């Protein structure tokens, strides 16, 4: 078995969700979950099929995001993994909805940070062991940092 990392290609630093599911209808069910949760959602989803013809299945509402999701899914090549790229919304808007999709087994990350995916590869195929999401902590927040965090959350409408 070989352990390697695959960097998620995200040139616009868009928010995305990386997860694992278990069935070919993942693409359709996640698509429906997103459009029923966020009207007018802009997103692309791709899913690595892990049986039969083992294709990258895809859907979405934004062609550029679909292409980005397909490219990253193919680079990962990890069985039954999915990736959703989104624009003008945040993972928090859809994360619980995605978790409730019956095929979804786990979420590895929901972020706009640089991400490296830790992959195990054997003769059988590839699997995701985990992710490196962003950078290591550099310290503990101080009073100014707390004020900045609270101000940011209010500025983007998540707090009153």
C-alpha atoms as a PDB file:
ATOM      1  CA  UNK A   1       0.000   0.000   0.000  1.00  0.00           C
ATOM      2  CA  UNK A   2       1.163   3.507  -0.787  1.00  0.00           C
ATOM      3  CA  UNK A   3       0.213   6.650   1.160  1.00  0.00           C
ATOM      4  CA  UNK A   4       0.173   9.931  -0.749  1.00  0.00           C
ATOM      5  CA  UNK A   5      -1.429  13.354  -0.654  1.00  0.00           C
ATOM      6  CA  UNK A   6      -3.534  14.940  -3.360  1.00  0.00           C
ATOM      7  CA  UNK A   7      -3.914  18.714  -3.275  1.00  0.00           C
ATOM      8  CA  UNK A   8      -7.390  20.056  -3.988  1.00  0.00           C
ATOM      9  CA  UNK A   9      -7.216  22.433  -6.948  1.00  0.00           C
ATOM     10  CA  UNK A  10      -9.170  25.499  -5.830  1.00  0.00           C
ATOM     11  CA  UNK A  11      -7.712  28.565  -7.586  1.00  0.00           C
ATOM     12  CA  UNK A  12     -10.537  30.901  -6.504  1.00  0.00           C
ATOM     13  CA  UNK A  13     -10.452  29.752  -2.859  1.00  0.00           C
ATOM     14  CA  UNK A  14     -14.097  28.693  -3.127  1.00  0.00           C
ATOM     15  CA  UNK A  15     -15.903  26.871  -0.365  1.00  0.00           C
ATOM     16  CA  UNK A  16     -16.237  23.151  -0.882  1.00  0.00           C
ATOM     17  CA  UNK A  17     -17.354  20.013   0.907  1.00  0.00           C
ATOM     18  CA  UNK A  18     -15.496  16.714   0.584  1.00  0.00           C
ATOM     19  CA  UNK A  19     -17.247  13.561   1.707  1.00  0.00           C
ATOM     20  CA  UNK A  20     -17.877   9.870   1.228  1.00  0.00           C
ATOM     21  CA  UNK A  21     -21.076   8.123   0.243  1.00  0.00           C
ATOM     22  CA  UNK A  22     -22.121   4.666  -0.871  1.00  0.00           C
ATOM     23  CA  UNK A  23     -24.338   4.608  -3.946  1.00  0.00           C
ATOM     24  CA  UNK A  24     -24.577   5.822  -7.549  1.00  0.00           C
ATOM     25  CA  UNK A  25     -27.615   8.013  -6.847  1.00  0.00           C
ATOM     26  CA  UNK A  26     -25.480  10.252  -4.616  1.00  0.00           C
ATOM     27  CA  UNK A  27     -25.153  12.905  -7.345  1.00  0.00           C
ATOM     28  CA  UNK A  28     -28.897  13.228  -7.896  1.00  0.00           C
ATOM     29  CA  UNK A  29     -29.796  13.155  -4.213  1.00  0.00           C
ATOM     30  CA  UNK A  30     -27.184  15.732  -3.192  1.00  0.00           C
ATOM     31  CA  UNK A  31     -28.212  17.937  -6.138  1.00  0.00           C
ATOM     32  CA  UNK A  32     -31.848  17.836  -4.994  1.00  0.00           C
ATOM     33  CA  UNK A  33     -30.873  18.444  -1.358  1.00  0.00           C
ATOM     34  CA  UNK A  34     -28.905  21.569  -2.262  1.00  0.00           C
ATOM     35  CA  UNK A  35     -31.462  23.153  -4.617  1.00  0.00           C
ATOM     36  CA  UNK A  36     -34.239  22.479  -2.096  1.00  0.00           C
ATOM     37  CA  UNK A  37     -32.216  24.122   0.700  1.00  0.00           C
ATOM     38  CA  UNK A  38     -30.727  27.160  -1.081  1.00  0.00           C
ATOM     39  CA  UNK A  39     -32.886  28.545  -3.911  1.00  0.00           C
ATOM     40  CA  UNK A  40     -30.695  29.700  -6.791  1.00  0.00           C
ATOM     41  CA  UNK A  41     -27.663  27.839  -5.408  1.00  0.00           C
ATOM     42  CA  UNK A  42     -24.552  27.908  -7.601  1.00  0.00           C
ATOM     43  CA  UNK A  43     -22.616  24.658  -7.255  1.00  0.00           C
ATOM     44  CA  UNK A  44     -21.000  21.698  -8.940  1.00  0.00           C
ATOM     45  CA  UNK A  45     -20.792  18.178  -7.545  1.00  0.00           C
ATOM     46  CA  UNK A  46     -18.768  15.177  -8.665  1.00  0.00           C
ATOM     47  CA  UNK A  47     -18.802  11.631  -7.305  1.00  0.00           C
ATOM     48  CA  UNK A  48     -16.262   8.836  -7.803  1.00  0.00           C
ATOM     49  CA  UNK A  49     -18.159   5.651  -8.552  1.00  0.00           C
ATOM     50  CA  UNK A  50     -16.346   2.698  -6.932  1.00  0.00           C
ATOM     51  CA  UNK A  51     -17.960  -0.222  -8.769  1.00  0.00           C
ATOM     52  CA  UNK A  52     -19.088  -1.270 -12.238  1.00  0.00           C
ATOM     53  CA  UNK A  53     -17.540   1.189 -14.750  1.00  0.00           C
ATOM     54  CA  UNK A  54     -15.992   3.438 -12.027  1.00  0.00           C
ATOM     55  CA  UNK A  55     -16.794   6.783 -13.644  1.00  0.00           C
ATOM     56  CA  UNK A  56     -16.824  10.265 -12.165  1.00  0.00           C
ATOM     57  CA  UNK A  57     -20.521  11.182 -12.059  1.00  0.00           C
ATOM     58  CA  UNK A  58     -21.434  14.873 -11.916  1.00  0.00           C
ATOM     59  CA  UNK A  59     -24.195  17.491 -11.781  1.00  0.00           C
ATOM     60  CA  UNK A  60     -24.721  21.089 -10.725  1.00  0.00           C
ATOM     61  CA  UNK A  61     -26.060  24.487 -11.635  1.00  0.00           C
ATOM     62  CA  UNK A  62     -22.828  26.251 -12.641  1.00  0.00           C
ATOM     63  CA  UNK A  63     -20.707  24.887 -15.490  1.00  0.00           C
ATOM     64  CA  UNK A  64     -17.408  26.212 -14.126  1.00  0.00           C
ATOM     65  CA  UNK A  65     -18.046  24.674 -10.712  1.00  0.00           C
ATOM     66  CA  UNK A  66     -19.050  21.376 -12.322  1.00  0.00           C
ATOM     67  CA  UNK A  67     -15.756  21.308 -14.239  1.00  0.00           C
ATOM     68  CA  UNK A  68     -13.801  22.110 -11.058  1.00  0.00           C
ATOM     69  CA  UNK A  69     -15.595  19.346  -9.130  1.00  0.00           C
ATOM     70  CA  UNK A  70     -15.067  16.802 -11.934  1.00  0.00           C
ATOM     71  CA  UNK A  71     -11.364  17.623 -12.233  1.00  0.00           C
ATOM     72  CA  UNK A  72     -10.769  17.306  -8.495  1.00  0.00           C
ATOM     73  CA  UNK A  73     -12.807  14.104  -8.199  1.00  0.00           C
ATOM     74  CA  UNK A  74     -10.825  12.484 -10.994  1.00  0.00           C
ATOM     75  CA  UNK A  75      -7.533  13.595  -9.387  1.00  0.00           C
ATOM     76  CA  UNK A  76      -8.639  12.063  -6.076  1.00  0.00           C
ATOM     77  CA  UNK A  77      -9.925   8.891  -7.705  1.00  0.00           C
ATOM     78  CA  UNK A  78     -10.991   7.615  -4.275  1.00  0.00           C
ATOM     79  CA  UNK A  79     -13.900   5.206  -4.188  1.00  0.00           C
ATOM     80  CA  UNK A  80     -17.308   6.654  -3.405  1.00  0.00           C
ATOM     81  CA  UNK A  81     -15.940  10.083  -2.543  1.00  0.00           C
ATOM     82  CA  UNK A  82     -17.742  13.267  -3.566  1.00  0.00           C
ATOM     83  CA  UNK A  83     -16.808  16.925  -3.752  1.00  0.00           C
ATOM     84  CA  UNK A  84     -19.118  19.936  -3.965  1.00  0.00           C
ATOM     85  CA  UNK A  85     -17.835  23.380  -4.959  1.00  0.00           C
ATOM     86  CA  UNK A  86     -20.101  26.360  -4.263  1.00  0.00           C
ATOM     87  CA  UNK A  87     -20.285  30.059  -5.022  1.00  0.00           C
ATOM     88  CA  UNK A  88     -22.129  32.825  -3.138  1.00  0.00           C
ATOM     89  CA  UNK A  89     -22.970  30.532  -0.237  1.00  0.00           C
ATOM     90  CA  UNK A  90     -21.187  28.780   2.588  1.00  0.00           C
ATOM     91  CA  UNK A  91     -20.972  25.131   3.658  1.00  0.00           C
ATOM     92  CA  UNK A  92     -22.935  26.045   6.807  1.00  0.00           C
ATOM     93  CA  UNK A  93     -25.915  26.736   4.503  1.00  0.00           C
ATOM     94  CA  UNK A  94     -26.067  23.123   3.292  1.00  0.00           C
ATOM     95  CA  UNK A  95     -23.892  20.975   5.559  1.00  0.00           C
ATOM     96  CA  UNK A  96     -26.647  19.527   7.752  1.00  0.00           C
ATOM     97  CA  UNK A  97     -28.773  18.902   4.673  1.00  0.00           C
ATOM     98  CA  UNK A  98     -25.906  17.016   3.008  1.00  0.00           C
ATOM     99  CA  UNK A  99     -25.346  14.961   6.169  1.00  0.00           C
ATOM    100  CA  UNK A 100     -29.018  13.895   6.031  1.00  0.00           C
ATOM    101  CA  UNK A 101     -28.765  12.497   2.482  1.00  0.00           C
ATOM    102  CA  UNK A 102     -29.166   8.727   3.020  1.00  0.00           C
ATOM    103  CA  UNK A 103     -26.106   7.788   0.919  1.00  0.00           C
ATOM    104  CA  UNK A 104     -23.704  10.128   2.750  1.00  0.00           C
ATOM    105  CA  UNK A 105     -21.417   8.223   5.146  1.00  0.00           C
ATOM    106  CA  UNK A 106     -19.077  10.991   6.282  1.00  0.00           C
ATOM    107  CA  UNK A 107     -17.836  14.503   5.697  1.00  0.00           C
ATOM    108  CA  UNK A 108     -14.064  14.946   5.612  1.00  0.00           C
ATOM    109  CA  UNK A 109     -14.055  18.741   5.439  1.00  0.00           C
ATOM    110  CA  UNK A 110     -16.082  21.820   4.580  1.00  0.00           C
ATOM    111  CA  UNK A 111     -13.748  24.724   3.897  1.00  0.00           C
ATOM    112  CA  UNK A 112     -12.257  27.302   1.551  1.00  0.00           C
ATOM    113  CA  UNK A 113      -8.759  26.658   2.932  1.00  0.00           C
ATOM    114  CA  UNK A 114      -5.986  24.983   0.975  1.00  0.00           C
ATOM    115  CA  UNK A 115      -6.522  21.227   1.441  1.00  0.00           C
ATOM    116  CA  UNK A 116      -4.387  18.149   1.005  1.00  0.00           C
ATOM    117  CA  UNK A 117      -6.243  14.844   0.979  1.00  0.00           C
ATOM    118  CA  UNK A 118      -4.371  11.896   2.464  1.00  0.00           C
ATOM    119  CA  UNK A 119      -4.922   8.926   0.147  1.00  0.00           C
ATOM    120  CA  UNK A 120      -4.125   5.244   0.625  1.00  0.00           C
ATOM    121  CA  UNK A 121      -3.647   3.351  -2.632  1.00  0.00           C
ATOM    122  CA  UNK A 122      -3.543  -0.434  -2.952  1.00  0.00           C
ATOM    123  CA  UNK A 123      -3.966  -2.912  -5.779  1.00  0.00           C
ATOM    124  CA  UNK A 124      -7.735  -2.679  -5.205  1.00  0.00           C
ATOM    125  CA  UNK A 125      -8.067   1.109  -5.454  1.00  0.00           C
ATOM    126  CA  UNK A 126      -7.866   4.322  -3.465  1.00  0.00           C
ATOM    127  CA  UNK A 127      -9.395   5.538  -0.221  1.00  0.00           C
ATOM    128  CA  UNK A 128      -9.353   8.783   1.731  1.00  0.00           C
ATOM    129  CA  UNK A 129      -7.678   8.469   5.127  1.00  0.00           C
ATOM    130  CA  UNK A 130      -8.195  12.097   6.108  1.00  0.00           C
ATOM    131  CA  UNK A 131      -7.471  15.682   5.162  1.00  0.00           C
ATOM    132  CA  UNK A 132      -5.077  18.468   6.030  1.00  0.00           C
ATOM    133  CA  UNK A 133      -7.392  21.484   6.126  1.00  0.00           C
ATOM    134  CA  UNK A 134      -5.487  24.756   6.111  1.00  0.00           C
ATOM    135  CA  UNK A 135      -2.547  25.634   8.312  1.00  0.00           C
ATOM    136  CA  UNK A 136      -1.353  24.794  11.843  1.00  0.00           C
ATOM    137  CA  UNK A 137      -2.497  26.978  14.764  1.00  0.00           C
ATOM    138  CA  UNK A 138      -0.090  29.823  15.557  1.00  0.00           C
ATOM    139  CA  UNK A 139      -1.372  30.873  18.968  1.00  0.00           C
ATOM    140  CA  UNK A 140      -4.397  31.713  21.117  1.00  0.00           C
ATOM    141  CA  UNK A 141      -6.761  34.537  20.170  1.00  0.00           C
ATOM    142  CA  UNK A 142      -6.600  37.740  22.184  1.00  0.00           C
ATOM    143  CA  UNK A 143      -9.219  40.400  22.849  1.00  0.00           C
ATOM    144  CA  UNK A 144      -8.614  42.131  19.489  1.00  0.00           C
ATOM    145  CA  UNK A 145      -8.937  38.789  17.697  1.00  0.00           C
ATOM    146  CA  UNK A 146     -12.223  38.059  19.481  1.00  0.00           C
ATOM    147  CA  UNK A 147     -13.607  41.462  18.492  1.00  0.00           C
ATOM    148  CA  UNK A 148     -12.520  40.905  14.876  1.00  0.00           C
ATOM    149  CA  UNK A 149     -14.172  37.429  14.794  1.00  0.00           C
ATOM    150  CA  UNK A 150     -17.443  38.773  16.198  1.00  0.00           C
ATOM    151  CA  UNK A 151     -17.410  41.722  13.794  1.00  0.00           C
ATOM    152  CA  UNK A 152     -16.833  39.423  10.824  1.00  0.00           C
ATOM    153  CA  UNK A 153     -19.760  37.150  11.767  1.00  0.00           C
ATOM    154  CA  UNK A 154     -22.058  40.152  12.012  1.00  0.00           C
ATOM    155  CA  UNK A 155     -20.793  41.619   8.743  1.00  0.00           C
ATOM    156  CA  UNK A 156     -21.691  38.457   6.823  1.00  0.00           C
ATOM    157  CA  UNK A 157     -25.100  38.171   8.508  1.00  0.00           C
ATOM    158  CA  UNK A 158     -24.573  35.215  10.860  1.00  0.00           C
ATOM    159  CA  UNK A 159     -25.082  37.174  14.076  1.00  0.00           C
ATOM    160  CA  UNK A 160     -27.282  40.127  15.008  1.00  0.00           C
END
